[in-house]
Amino acid sequence: MSEKQLFTVGKVANTHGIRGELKIVPQTDFAEERFAKGSKLILQKEDGTEQVPVEVLASRLQKNVYVIKLKDYDNINDVEKYKGWLLKIAGEDRAPLEEGEYYYSDIVGCRVVTVQGEELGVISEILSPGANDVWVVDQAGHRSKQILLPVIDEVILDVNIAEKLIKVELMEGLI
C-alpha cells in the first residue's frame, strides 16, 4: 500500500463516546464525500510507519468536526490508539475537479514568476483566511522572506500544473 500516493483528508482528534466513534478534523474541501458511508480510507500514523485500511460505516458533522463510525470498530478500546493519526485516500480516489480548480498538493511546490519573467520563488503553503485563499511564496534567494499572494483573478494569471509554474501580476504593495 505504501507505493501509492496518499493524500490527507482529515486527522483523528479524539474518540467520541464508548462505541468506537472518532472525532475527525477535516482537511479536505470534500468532507461530505470523504466521510460518507462506504468510503474507503486509510488510517496512517503521523510518522508514516503504520497504515490501516478502513471503511466508514456512518458519519455526522458536529461543531466543525466529523464524528465517524468505522466498520468492525465497535468500542472505544478498538479506536483509542488512533488518536493523532491521519486519514488518507489513495490518489486515484480523488474526485476530478472543474477547470480552474486545483488540489492543494498540486499548487504547493509550484514556481511563481511574474509576467515580466521575474522568478519570485516557490509556493510553500496555502492559507484560507476568509474570502479567498492566500498562497505563501518562499522568495528565491531569501530563506526567511515570504510573499503572500491573494488567489484572485487580478493576481493569478496562469496556473500550469504540468510544468509546476504559476504566472502572476503583482499588485502594488504586495512586495
C-alpha atoms as a PDB file:
ATOM      1  CA  MET A   1       0.000   0.000   0.000  1.00  0.00           C
ATOM      2  CA  SER A   2       2.878   2.385   0.683  1.00  0.00           C
ATOM      3  CA  GLU A   3       3.778   2.573  -3.031  1.00  0.00           C
ATOM      4  CA  LYS A   4       0.538   4.506  -3.720  1.00  0.00           C
ATOM      5  CA  GLN A   5       0.484   8.269  -3.401  1.00  0.00           C
ATOM      6  CA  LEU A   6      -1.726   9.147  -0.432  1.00  0.00           C
ATOM      7  CA  PHE A   7      -3.483  12.425   0.349  1.00  0.00           C
ATOM      8  CA  THR A   8      -4.584  13.582   3.791  1.00  0.00           C
ATOM      9  CA  VAL A   9      -8.317  14.232   4.180  1.00  0.00           C
ATOM     10  CA  GLY A  10      -8.505  14.509   7.973  1.00  0.00           C
ATOM     11  CA  LYS A  11      -6.906  13.982  11.338  1.00  0.00           C
ATOM     12  CA  VAL A  12      -8.202  11.942  14.259  1.00  0.00           C
ATOM     13  CA  ALA A  13      -8.663  14.468  17.071  1.00  0.00           C
ATOM     14  CA  ASN A  14     -10.172  12.177  19.688  1.00  0.00           C
ATOM     15  CA  THR A  15     -12.579   9.378  20.418  1.00  0.00           C
ATOM     16  CA  HIS A  16     -16.304  10.044  20.854  1.00  0.00           C
ATOM     17  CA  GLY A  17     -18.310   8.022  23.347  1.00  0.00           C
ATOM     18  CA  ILE A  18     -17.703   4.355  24.080  1.00  0.00           C
ATOM     19  CA  ARG A  19     -18.982   2.757  20.869  1.00  0.00           C
ATOM     20  CA  GLY A  20     -15.851   3.257  18.770  1.00  0.00           C
ATOM     21  CA  GLU A  21     -16.611   6.590  17.132  1.00  0.00           C
ATOM     22  CA  LEU A  22     -13.830   9.028  16.234  1.00  0.00           C
ATOM     23  CA  LYS A  23     -13.790  12.825  16.008  1.00  0.00           C
ATOM     24  CA  ILE A  24     -12.146  13.879  12.747  1.00  0.00           C
ATOM     25  CA  VAL A  25     -10.849  17.347  11.909  1.00  0.00           C
ATOM     26  CA  PRO A  26     -11.424  17.544   8.142  1.00  0.00           C
ATOM     27  CA  GLN A  27      -8.551  18.650   5.902  1.00  0.00           C
ATOM     28  CA  THR A  28     -10.392  18.494   2.602  1.00  0.00           C
ATOM     29  CA  ASP A  29     -12.894  20.530   0.619  1.00  0.00           C
ATOM     30  CA  PHE A  30     -14.845  17.306   0.015  1.00  0.00           C
ATOM     31  CA  ALA A  31     -15.532  16.249   3.614  1.00  0.00           C
ATOM     32  CA  GLU A  32     -19.113  15.110   2.971  1.00  0.00           C
ATOM     33  CA  GLU A  33     -17.899  12.821   0.201  1.00  0.00           C
ATOM     34  CA  ARG A  34     -14.779  11.598   2.014  1.00  0.00           C
ATOM     35  CA  PHE A  35     -16.572  10.657   5.227  1.00  0.00           C
ATOM     36  CA  ALA A  36     -19.758   9.280   3.611  1.00  0.00           C
ATOM     37  CA  LYS A  37     -20.959   5.766   4.362  1.00  0.00           C
ATOM     38  CA  GLY A  38     -18.938   3.233   2.377  1.00  0.00           C
ATOM     39  CA  SER A  39     -15.898   5.477   1.851  1.00  0.00           C
ATOM     40  CA  LYS A  40     -12.623   3.589   1.845  1.00  0.00           C
ATOM     41  CA  LEU A  41      -9.926   5.439   3.776  1.00  0.00           C
ATOM     42  CA  ILE A  42      -6.507   4.702   5.184  1.00  0.00           C
ATOM     43  CA  LEU A  43      -5.584   5.438   8.788  1.00  0.00           C
ATOM     44  CA  GLN A  44      -1.901   6.360   8.903  1.00  0.00           C
ATOM     45  CA  LYS A  45       0.327   7.058  11.855  1.00  0.00           C
ATOM     46  CA  GLU A  46       1.754  10.592  11.553  1.00  0.00           C
ATOM     47  CA  ASP A  47       5.293   9.298  11.028  1.00  0.00           C
ATOM     48  CA  GLY A  48       4.016   7.046   8.223  1.00  0.00           C
ATOM     49  CA  THR A  49       5.197   3.813   9.854  1.00  0.00           C
ATOM     50  CA  GLU A  50       1.771   2.161  10.103  1.00  0.00           C
ATOM     51  CA  GLN A  51      -1.267   2.099   7.815  1.00  0.00           C
ATOM     52  CA  VAL A  52      -4.672   0.535   8.376  1.00  0.00           C
ATOM     53  CA  PRO A  53      -7.340   0.412   5.623  1.00  0.00           C
ATOM     54  CA  VAL A  54     -10.805   1.268   6.984  1.00  0.00           C
ATOM     55  CA  GLU A  55     -14.355   1.769   5.741  1.00  0.00           C
ATOM     56  CA  VAL A  56     -16.778   4.413   7.005  1.00  0.00           C
ATOM     57  CA  LEU A  57     -19.981   2.914   8.404  1.00  0.00           C
ATOM     58  CA  ALA A  58     -21.603   6.229   9.405  1.00  0.00           C
ATOM     59  CA  SER A  59     -20.682   9.892   9.912  1.00  0.00           C
ATOM     60  CA  ARG A  60     -22.170  13.181  11.015  1.00  0.00           C
ATOM     61  CA  LEU A  61     -20.983  16.770  11.241  1.00  0.00           C
ATOM     62  CA  GLN A  62     -20.825  18.085  14.799  1.00  0.00           C
ATOM     63  CA  LYS A  63     -19.367  21.542  15.567  1.00  0.00           C
ATOM     64  CA  ASN A  64     -16.811  21.669  12.718  1.00  0.00           C
ATOM     65  CA  VAL A  65     -15.626  18.078  13.245  1.00  0.00           C
ATOM     66  CA  TYR A  66     -16.930  14.865  11.774  1.00  0.00           C
ATOM     67  CA  VAL A  67     -17.870  12.047  14.099  1.00  0.00           C
ATOM     68  CA  ILE A  68     -17.338   8.832  12.185  1.00  0.00           C
ATOM     69  CA  LYS A  69     -18.005   5.187  12.894  1.00  0.00           C
ATOM     70  CA  LEU A  70     -15.708   2.705  11.179  1.00  0.00           C
ATOM     71  CA  LYS A  71     -16.717  -0.774  10.075  1.00  0.00           C
ATOM     72  CA  ASP A  72     -15.570  -3.503  12.519  1.00  0.00           C
ATOM     73  CA  TYR A  73     -14.558  -0.990  15.229  1.00  0.00           C
ATOM     74  CA  ASP A  74     -17.237  -1.283  17.894  1.00  0.00           C
ATOM     75  CA  ASN A  75     -15.845   0.142  21.117  1.00  0.00           C
ATOM     76  CA  ILE A  76     -13.509   2.804  22.443  1.00  0.00           C
ATOM     77  CA  ASN A  77     -10.721   0.264  23.059  1.00  0.00           C
ATOM     78  CA  ASP A  78     -10.606  -0.529  19.319  1.00  0.00           C
ATOM     79  CA  VAL A  79     -10.056   3.084  18.242  1.00  0.00           C
ATOM     80  CA  GLU A  80      -8.276   4.841  21.118  1.00  0.00           C
ATOM     81  CA  LYS A  81      -4.832   4.037  19.703  1.00  0.00           C
ATOM     82  CA  TYR A  82      -5.661   6.058  16.548  1.00  0.00           C
ATOM     83  CA  LYS A  83      -5.743   9.471  18.266  1.00  0.00           C
ATOM     84  CA  GLY A  84      -3.464  11.809  16.303  1.00  0.00           C
ATOM     85  CA  TRP A  85      -3.390   9.561  13.232  1.00  0.00           C
ATOM     86  CA  LEU A  86      -4.167  10.904   9.761  1.00  0.00           C
ATOM     87  CA  LEU A  87      -6.983   9.785   7.481  1.00  0.00           C
ATOM     88  CA  LYS A  88      -5.841   9.487   3.888  1.00  0.00           C
ATOM     89  CA  ILE A  89      -7.124   8.496   0.483  1.00  0.00           C
ATOM     90  CA  ALA A  90      -5.303   6.999  -2.475  1.00  0.00           C
ATOM     91  CA  GLY A  91      -4.520   9.388  -5.340  1.00  0.00           C
ATOM     92  CA  GLU A  92      -6.773   7.518  -7.761  1.00  0.00           C
ATOM     93  CA  ASP A  93      -9.724   8.094  -5.397  1.00  0.00           C
ATOM     94  CA  ARG A  94      -9.514  11.883  -5.665  1.00  0.00           C
ATOM     95  CA  ALA A  95     -12.510  13.495  -7.343  1.00  0.00           C
ATOM     96  CA  PRO A  96     -11.943  15.185 -10.702  1.00  0.00           C
ATOM     97  CA  LEU A  97     -12.022  18.972 -10.496  1.00  0.00           C
ATOM     98  CA  GLU A  98     -13.570  21.647 -12.684  1.00  0.00           C
ATOM     99  CA  GLU A  99     -11.288  23.747 -14.882  1.00  0.00           C
ATOM    100  CA  GLY A 100      -9.565  26.407 -12.794  1.00  0.00           C
ATOM    101  CA  GLU A 101      -9.772  24.320  -9.589  1.00  0.00           C
ATOM    102  CA  TYR A 102      -6.706  22.648  -8.076  1.00  0.00           C
ATOM    103  CA  TYR A 103      -5.808  20.396  -5.199  1.00  0.00           C
ATOM    104  CA  TYR A 104      -3.563  21.977  -2.578  1.00  0.00           C
ATOM    105  CA  SER A 105      -0.949  19.288  -3.243  1.00  0.00           C
ATOM    106  CA  ASP A 106      -0.848  20.371  -6.918  1.00  0.00           C
ATOM    107  CA  ILE A 107      -0.182  24.021  -6.019  1.00  0.00           C
ATOM    108  CA  VAL A 108       2.377  23.582  -3.209  1.00  0.00           C
ATOM    109  CA  GLY A 109       5.820  23.319  -4.802  1.00  0.00           C
ATOM    110  CA  CYS A 110       4.970  25.334  -7.929  1.00  0.00           C
ATOM    111  CA  ARG A 111       7.400  28.044  -9.073  1.00  0.00           C
ATOM    112  CA  VAL A 112       5.971  31.544  -9.253  1.00  0.00           C
ATOM    113  CA  VAL A 113       7.074  34.053 -11.902  1.00  0.00           C
ATOM    114  CA  THR A 114       5.781  37.485 -12.834  1.00  0.00           C
ATOM    115  CA  VAL A 115       4.515  38.285 -16.334  1.00  0.00           C
ATOM    116  CA  GLN A 116       7.808  40.144 -16.822  1.00  0.00           C
ATOM    117  CA  GLY A 117       9.687  36.860 -16.177  1.00  0.00           C
ATOM    118  CA  GLU A 118      10.994  37.641 -12.688  1.00  0.00           C
ATOM    119  CA  GLU A 119      11.323  34.493 -10.565  1.00  0.00           C
ATOM    120  CA  LEU A 120       9.613  35.104  -7.204  1.00  0.00           C
ATOM    121  CA  GLY A 121      10.018  31.725  -5.509  1.00  0.00           C
ATOM    122  CA  VAL A 122       8.116  28.548  -4.684  1.00  0.00           C
ATOM    123  CA  ILE A 123       4.707  28.127  -3.042  1.00  0.00           C
ATOM    124  CA  SER A 124       5.231  26.546   0.378  1.00  0.00           C
ATOM    125  CA  GLU A 125       1.737  26.659   1.866  1.00  0.00           C
ATOM    126  CA  ILE A 126      -1.854  27.716   1.331  1.00  0.00           C
ATOM    127  CA  LEU A 127      -3.792  29.796   3.839  1.00  0.00           C
ATOM    128  CA  SER A 128      -7.584  30.113   3.965  1.00  0.00           C
ATOM    129  CA  PRO A 129      -8.216  33.275   5.989  1.00  0.00           C
ATOM    130  CA  GLY A 130     -11.578  34.248   4.536  1.00  0.00           C
ATOM    131  CA  ALA A 131     -12.941  35.396   1.201  1.00  0.00           C
ATOM    132  CA  ASN A 132     -10.140  33.833  -0.849  1.00  0.00           C
ATOM    133  CA  ASP A 133      -7.129  31.594  -0.336  1.00  0.00           C
ATOM    134  CA  VAL A 134      -3.651  33.070   0.020  1.00  0.00           C
ATOM    135  CA  TRP A 135      -0.620  31.317  -1.464  1.00  0.00           C
ATOM    136  CA  VAL A 136       2.585  31.689   0.566  1.00  0.00           C
ATOM    137  CA  VAL A 137       5.646  32.053  -1.679  1.00  0.00           C
ATOM    138  CA  ASP A 138       9.092  31.480  -0.201  1.00  0.00           C
ATOM    139  CA  GLN A 139      11.165  34.062  -2.066  1.00  0.00           C
ATOM    140  CA  ALA A 140      14.014  32.819  -4.225  1.00  0.00           C
ATOM    141  CA  GLY A 141      17.356  33.508  -2.542  1.00  0.00           C
ATOM    142  CA  HIS A 142      15.758  34.676   0.739  1.00  0.00           C
ATOM    143  CA  ARG A 143      15.160  31.899   3.250  1.00  0.00           C
ATOM    144  CA  SER A 144      13.013  33.909   5.615  1.00  0.00           C
ATOM    145  CA  LYS A 145      11.202  36.261   3.215  1.00  0.00           C
ATOM    146  CA  GLN A 146       7.733  35.347   2.034  1.00  0.00           C
ATOM    147  CA  ILE A 147       5.228  36.874  -0.360  1.00  0.00           C
ATOM    148  CA  LEU A 148       1.523  36.426   0.327  1.00  0.00           C
ATOM    149  CA  LEU A 149      -0.400  36.146  -2.947  1.00  0.00           C
ATOM    150  CA  PRO A 150      -4.184  36.514  -2.797  1.00  0.00           C
ATOM    151  CA  VAL A 151      -5.826  33.959  -5.073  1.00  0.00           C
ATOM    152  CA  ILE A 152      -7.820  36.376  -7.203  1.00  0.00           C
ATOM    153  CA  ASP A 153      -8.051  36.739 -10.989  1.00  0.00           C
ATOM    154  CA  GLU A 154      -6.192  40.079 -10.972  1.00  0.00           C
ATOM    155  CA  VAL A 155      -3.094  38.437  -9.407  1.00  0.00           C
ATOM    156  CA  ILE A 156      -3.067  34.796 -10.535  1.00  0.00           C
ATOM    157  CA  LEU A 157      -2.959  34.881 -14.330  1.00  0.00           C
ATOM    158  CA  ASP A 158      -1.946  31.336 -15.325  1.00  0.00           C
ATOM    159  CA  VAL A 159      -1.581  28.054 -13.448  1.00  0.00           C
ATOM    160  CA  ASN A 160       0.275  25.275 -15.265  1.00  0.00           C
ATOM    161  CA  ILE A 161       0.237  22.192 -13.034  1.00  0.00           C
ATOM    162  CA  ALA A 162       2.090  20.034 -15.588  1.00  0.00           C
ATOM    163  CA  GLU A 163       5.075  22.421 -15.568  1.00  0.00           C
ATOM    164  CA  LYS A 164       4.606  23.367 -11.869  1.00  0.00           C
ATOM    165  CA  LEU A 165       4.617  27.041 -12.942  1.00  0.00           C
ATOM    166  CA  ILE A 166       2.336  29.916 -11.956  1.00  0.00           C
ATOM    167  CA  LYS A 167       2.373  33.342 -13.658  1.00  0.00           C
ATOM    168  CA  VAL A 168       1.273  36.330 -11.621  1.00  0.00           C
ATOM    169  CA  GLU A 169       0.768  40.070 -11.944  1.00  0.00           C
ATOM    170  CA  LEU A 170       1.858  41.731  -8.721  1.00  0.00           C
ATOM    171  CA  MET A 171      -0.467  44.385  -7.383  1.00  0.00           C
ATOM    172  CA  GLU A 172       1.054  47.483  -5.832  1.00  0.00           C
ATOM    173  CA  GLY A 173       2.076  46.840  -2.222  1.00  0.00           C
ATOM    174  CA  LEU A 174       2.324  43.021  -2.399  1.00  0.00           C
ATOM    175  CA  ILE A 175       6.107  43.049  -2.011  1.00  0.00           C
END
